[in-house]
Amino acid sequence: MFNFIRTHQRIVQVVLLVLILPSFVLIGVSGYNSFVANDEALVEIDGNNLTSDDFDYALREQIATLQRQYGADFDPAV
C-alpha cells in the first residue's frame, strides 16, 4: 500500500487535490455570500424587520446628533 503511494506520488497528490480543493472553494464562496448578504433581520418591531445596516445607520445618525448637541464635550466611547 505505502509502496504504491511512494511510487505514484504525483497521482496521489492530484487525487487529494481534486478531493480537497472543492471543499475549500465551496466554504469560501458560502462564507463570502453570508458576509455580503447582510440583509437578515436582527429584530422585528411592529411587523417591520430591522437589519444590521438599518441599525448601523441609525447609530451613526444618533452619534452625529449628539456630537452636534454637545460639541467638544461629547465622548462617543461613553
N, C-alpha and C. Protein backbone atom coordinates (compact mmCIF):
# COMPACT_ATOMS: atom_id res chain seq x y z
N MET A 1 0.83 -1.19 0.00
CA MET A 1 0.00 0.00 0.00
C MET A 1 0.87 1.25 0.00
N PHE A 2 1.80 1.35 0.96
CA PHE A 2 2.65 2.53 1.01
C PHE A 2 3.64 2.56 -0.15
N ASN A 3 4.02 1.39 -0.65
CA ASN A 3 4.88 1.36 -1.83
C ASN A 3 4.16 1.97 -3.03
N PHE A 4 2.88 1.68 -3.15
CA PHE A 4 2.09 2.27 -4.24
C PHE A 4 2.06 3.79 -4.11
N ILE A 5 1.82 4.27 -2.90
CA ILE A 5 1.77 5.72 -2.67
C ILE A 5 3.13 6.34 -2.95
N ARG A 6 4.18 5.67 -2.51
CA ARG A 6 5.53 6.20 -2.71
C ARG A 6 5.89 6.24 -4.19
N THR A 7 5.53 5.22 -4.93
CA THR A 7 5.90 5.17 -6.35
C THR A 7 4.98 6.02 -7.23
N HIS A 8 3.78 6.30 -6.76
CA HIS A 8 2.82 7.09 -7.54
C HIS A 8 2.44 8.38 -6.79
N GLN A 9 3.43 9.08 -6.31
CA GLN A 9 3.18 10.28 -5.51
C GLN A 9 2.40 11.35 -6.28
N ARG A 10 2.75 11.56 -7.52
CA ARG A 10 2.08 12.60 -8.31
C ARG A 10 0.60 12.29 -8.48
N ILE A 11 0.25 11.06 -8.74
CA ILE A 11 -1.15 10.67 -8.90
C ILE A 11 -1.90 10.85 -7.59
N VAL A 12 -1.30 10.45 -6.48
CA VAL A 12 -1.94 10.60 -5.17
C VAL A 12 -2.13 12.08 -4.85
N GLN A 13 -1.16 12.92 -5.18
CA GLN A 13 -1.29 14.35 -4.93
C GLN A 13 -2.44 14.95 -5.74
N VAL A 14 -2.56 14.56 -6.98
CA VAL A 14 -3.64 15.08 -7.83
C VAL A 14 -5.00 14.63 -7.31
N VAL A 15 -5.10 13.37 -6.91
CA VAL A 15 -6.37 12.85 -6.38
C VAL A 15 -6.74 13.59 -5.10
N LEU A 16 -5.78 13.79 -4.21
CA LEU A 16 -6.07 14.52 -2.98
C LEU A 16 -6.46 15.97 -3.27
N LEU A 17 -5.79 16.59 -4.21
CA LEU A 17 -6.12 17.96 -4.58
C LEU A 17 -7.54 18.05 -5.14
N VAL A 18 -7.91 17.09 -5.98
CA VAL A 18 -9.25 17.08 -6.56
C VAL A 18 -10.31 16.85 -5.48
N LEU A 19 -9.99 16.09 -4.46
CA LEU A 19 -10.95 15.83 -3.39
C LEU A 19 -11.03 16.96 -2.37
N ILE A 20 -9.93 17.62 -2.09
CA ILE A 20 -9.89 18.61 -1.02
C ILE A 20 -10.19 20.02 -1.51
N LEU A 21 -9.67 20.42 -2.64
CA LEU A 21 -9.82 21.80 -3.12
C LEU A 21 -11.27 22.25 -3.26
N PRO A 22 -12.19 21.46 -3.82
CA PRO A 22 -13.58 21.93 -3.94
C PRO A 22 -14.23 22.27 -2.59
N SER A 23 -13.86 21.56 -1.55
CA SER A 23 -14.47 21.87 -0.25
C SER A 23 -14.05 23.26 0.22
N PHE A 24 -12.79 23.63 0.01
CA PHE A 24 -12.35 24.97 0.39
C PHE A 24 -13.00 26.04 -0.47
N VAL A 25 -13.17 25.74 -1.75
CA VAL A 25 -13.82 26.70 -2.64
C VAL A 25 -15.27 26.90 -2.22
N LEU A 26 -15.99 25.83 -1.94
CA LEU A 26 -17.39 25.95 -1.55
C LEU A 26 -17.55 26.65 -0.22
N ILE A 27 -16.69 26.35 0.73
CA ILE A 27 -16.76 27.02 2.03
C ILE A 27 -16.44 28.50 1.88
N GLY A 28 -15.46 28.83 1.05
CA GLY A 28 -15.11 30.23 0.83
C GLY A 28 -16.23 31.00 0.16
N VAL A 29 -16.87 30.42 -0.82
CA VAL A 29 -17.97 31.09 -1.52
C VAL A 29 -19.15 31.28 -0.59
N SER A 30 -19.50 30.27 0.19
CA SER A 30 -20.64 30.41 1.10
C SER A 30 -20.32 31.41 2.20
N GLY A 31 -19.08 31.43 2.67
CA GLY A 31 -18.70 32.42 3.68
C GLY A 31 -18.77 33.83 3.13
N TYR A 32 -18.34 34.01 1.89
CA TYR A 32 -18.40 35.33 1.26
C TYR A 32 -19.85 35.77 1.07
N ASN A 33 -20.69 34.85 0.62
CA ASN A 33 -22.10 35.18 0.42
C ASN A 33 -22.78 35.56 1.72
N SER A 34 -22.49 34.85 2.79
CA SER A 34 -23.12 35.20 4.06
C SER A 34 -22.58 36.51 4.60
N PHE A 35 -21.33 36.86 4.25
CA PHE A 35 -20.76 38.14 4.68
C PHE A 35 -21.37 39.29 3.90
N VAL A 36 -21.53 39.10 2.60
CA VAL A 36 -22.06 40.15 1.75
C VAL A 36 -23.57 40.31 1.94
N ALA A 37 -24.28 39.21 2.05
CA ALA A 37 -25.74 39.26 2.21
C ALA A 37 -26.05 39.60 3.66
N ASN A 38 -26.05 40.90 3.92
CA ASN A 38 -26.21 41.37 5.29
C ASN A 38 -27.63 41.88 5.50
N ASP A 39 -28.60 41.26 4.83
CA ASP A 39 -29.96 41.76 4.90
C ASP A 39 -30.85 40.94 5.83
N GLU A 40 -30.26 40.09 6.65
CA GLU A 40 -31.06 39.33 7.60
C GLU A 40 -31.52 40.26 8.72
N ALA A 41 -32.73 40.05 9.16
CA ALA A 41 -33.30 40.90 10.20
C ALA A 41 -32.67 40.60 11.55
N LEU A 42 -32.28 41.66 12.24
CA LEU A 42 -31.80 41.50 13.61
C LEU A 42 -32.98 41.30 14.55
N VAL A 43 -33.98 42.15 14.38
CA VAL A 43 -35.20 42.07 15.19
C VAL A 43 -36.39 42.44 14.32
N GLU A 44 -37.57 42.11 14.83
CA GLU A 44 -38.80 42.53 14.17
C GLU A 44 -39.56 43.41 15.14
N ILE A 45 -39.86 44.64 14.70
CA ILE A 45 -40.56 45.61 15.54
C ILE A 45 -41.84 46.01 14.82
N ASP A 46 -42.97 45.73 15.43
CA ASP A 46 -44.29 46.05 14.86
C ASP A 46 -44.43 45.54 13.43
N GLY A 47 -43.92 44.35 13.16
CA GLY A 47 -44.02 43.77 11.83
C GLY A 47 -42.96 44.24 10.85
N ASN A 48 -42.11 45.17 11.26
CA ASN A 48 -41.04 45.67 10.39
C ASN A 48 -39.72 45.03 10.80
N ASN A 49 -38.99 44.54 9.82
CA ASN A 49 -37.69 43.94 10.10
C ASN A 49 -36.62 45.02 10.17
N LEU A 50 -35.76 44.92 11.17
CA LEU A 50 -34.65 45.84 11.34
C LEU A 50 -33.37 45.08 11.02
N THR A 51 -32.68 45.49 9.95
CA THR A 51 -31.45 44.82 9.56
C THR A 51 -30.26 45.48 10.25
N SER A 52 -29.12 44.84 10.15
CA SER A 52 -27.92 45.41 10.77
C SER A 52 -27.51 46.69 10.06
N ASP A 53 -27.79 46.80 8.76
CA ASP A 53 -27.49 48.05 8.04
C ASP A 53 -28.36 49.19 8.57
N ASP A 54 -29.64 48.90 8.81
CA ASP A 54 -30.54 49.90 9.38
C ASP A 54 -30.06 50.34 10.76
N PHE A 55 -29.65 49.38 11.56
CA PHE A 55 -29.17 49.68 12.91
C PHE A 55 -27.91 50.53 12.86
N ASP A 56 -26.96 50.16 12.00
CA ASP A 56 -25.72 50.93 11.87
C ASP A 56 -25.99 52.36 11.43
N TYR A 57 -26.91 52.53 10.49
CA TYR A 57 -27.26 53.87 10.02
C TYR A 57 -27.87 54.69 11.15
N ALA A 58 -28.81 54.11 11.88
CA ALA A 58 -29.45 54.82 12.99
C ALA A 58 -28.44 55.18 14.07
N LEU A 59 -27.50 54.28 14.34
CA LEU A 59 -26.48 54.55 15.35
C LEU A 59 -25.58 55.71 14.92
N ARG A 60 -25.15 55.71 13.66
CA ARG A 60 -24.32 56.81 13.15
C ARG A 60 -25.07 58.14 13.21
N GLU A 61 -26.34 58.12 12.86
CA GLU A 61 -27.15 59.34 12.92
C GLU A 61 -27.29 59.84 14.36
N GLN A 62 -27.50 58.92 15.29
CA GLN A 62 -27.64 59.30 16.70
C GLN A 62 -26.34 59.90 17.23
N ILE A 63 -25.21 59.30 16.88
CA ILE A 63 -23.92 59.83 17.32
C ILE A 63 -23.67 61.21 16.72
N ALA A 64 -24.01 61.39 15.45
CA ALA A 64 -23.84 62.70 14.80
C ALA A 64 -24.71 63.75 15.47
N THR A 65 -25.93 63.40 15.83
CA THR A 65 -26.82 64.33 16.52
C THR A 65 -26.26 64.73 17.88
N LEU A 66 -25.78 63.76 18.63
CA LEU A 66 -25.21 64.05 19.94
C LEU A 66 -23.94 64.89 19.82
N GLN A 67 -23.14 64.65 18.79
CA GLN A 67 -21.93 65.46 18.59
C GLN A 67 -22.29 66.91 18.28
N ARG A 68 -23.36 67.12 17.50
CA ARG A 68 -23.79 68.48 17.21
C ARG A 68 -24.33 69.16 18.47
N GLN A 69 -25.03 68.41 19.32
CA GLN A 69 -25.62 69.00 20.52
C GLN A 69 -24.56 69.35 21.56
N TYR A 70 -23.63 68.42 21.80
CA TYR A 70 -22.68 68.60 22.90
C TYR A 70 -21.32 69.11 22.47
N GLY A 71 -21.05 69.14 21.20
CA GLY A 71 -19.79 69.67 20.69
C GLY A 71 -18.58 68.93 21.23
N ALA A 72 -17.63 69.69 21.78
CA ALA A 72 -16.37 69.10 22.27
C ALA A 72 -16.57 68.27 23.53
N ASP A 73 -17.69 68.47 24.22
CA ASP A 73 -17.94 67.72 25.46
C ASP A 73 -18.40 66.29 25.19
N PHE A 74 -18.75 65.98 23.96
CA PHE A 74 -19.27 64.65 23.64
C PHE A 74 -18.15 63.64 23.49
N ASP A 75 -18.30 62.50 24.16
CA ASP A 75 -17.34 61.40 24.04
C ASP A 75 -18.08 60.19 23.48
N PRO A 76 -17.80 59.80 22.23
CA PRO A 76 -18.54 58.68 21.63
C PRO A 76 -18.27 57.34 22.32
N ALA A 77 -17.21 57.25 23.10
CA ALA A 77 -16.91 56.00 23.80
C ALA A 77 -17.90 55.75 24.93
N VAL A 78 -18.51 56.80 25.41
CA VAL A 78 -19.46 56.65 26.51
C VAL A 78 -20.77 56.26 25.91
